[in-house]
Amino acid sequence: MSERKRSDGFLYPFGSYPEDKFSQRTGYDSKFIKEGKYFYYQVVLSHERILPVLFDLLNALPEKAFIVTQIHTDDYYKENDTYVSDEPVEVEELLRWIEGWKDVALDDGFFGIGAFTEGPTMEVFLDEHKTIHVYHHDPDFMEETLERLGIPFVMDLRLYWDEPHYHESLPLLTEYSEDYLTAFEDLADKYDLLLDEDEDDDTDEDGDPLGMTCWKIELRGYKPKSEFDPTPQGFYSTLYLNAESRDDATDMVEMYMESKDEYADLFLQMARVPEELLSAGLRRKNHDPEEPVVWFESERIEFKWNQPGGLDYRPF
């Protein structure tokens, strides 16, 4: 898409927009979540207003909060992976990160970012549609804040993403050079991100057990330095294997890497792929789909890595 989609003055993100003309209204709706005793708000804004409003809402959180990020996955049984930081971080740090990665944060249709606190419910999250979701225990505070920001309450607010719509990932234009996985990699290098799900679980969308499943694993790894090569060799690789759970798949990857005197530094994607959706060439390589084994590795992309796992290092 060469230019941002506009409808009746409403500007959509590059990476998420309706299939047909849709007159999206600016505003918010809310409802009380009885089970959690908090209020839930959906805030929909034209693209040019998203960043300042998002920052205003994030600044209303306590000084420290947990980061939450959601990225698209190729997993056949779900749409997204959600990660949270192991420790709370300075909200100001998160704001600086979003500012530095605002192309992805505000426009990539495969990426969401936000923060939440423990104790009284408070969370602000910008999803892949670039709708802001707020969970808050104090409705008076929220309504006063939204009124101050000039965002009206809209009864029965219609959302374009409830209708047929597109999702796309950057880069879409020549001025964009990054995408959601690059952003996730940078975030994971700065903070200890934990997958927000049971890693022993391997069920489909209905909760039924899948048993032995094919996994597609995209990772960043490295070979430690040696007396012959003082600079560690970093690489990106894709592995295919059969495992009964994410936890088992992780263990298999680590054992596979250790057998080559290498280490997996970061798992970028772990996706379950039904055997019948693999290409004919890949199916031929998986000689026994019921055997727990790493059965294929893609050609690697290699780079010299002076600081594997370092918080400030970027391999690009």
Foldseek 3Di string as FASTA:
>chain_A
DADFDDAPRATFAQFKDFPDRDDADFFKAKDADVVQLWMKMKGDGRLVCLLVLLLVQLVPDPQWWKKKKWFAAPAPFDGIWIKIFPDTDGSVVVNVLCVVVVSADRHALGMKIWTFHPDFTWIWIQHSRRIIMTIGNDVVVVVVSCVVVVHHYDPPRDDSVVHHMGGHWDPPDPVDDDTDLLSVVLVCLQGPIDTPDDQQAAAHNVRHFDAKFKKKWWFKKWADADPVGNWIKIKIKIWIWIDRGNVLVVVQVQVVQVVVNMGTQGTSHIHTDHLVPDDPVVNVQCVDSNDGHTRDMDDMDMATHRDRSHNPDDRD
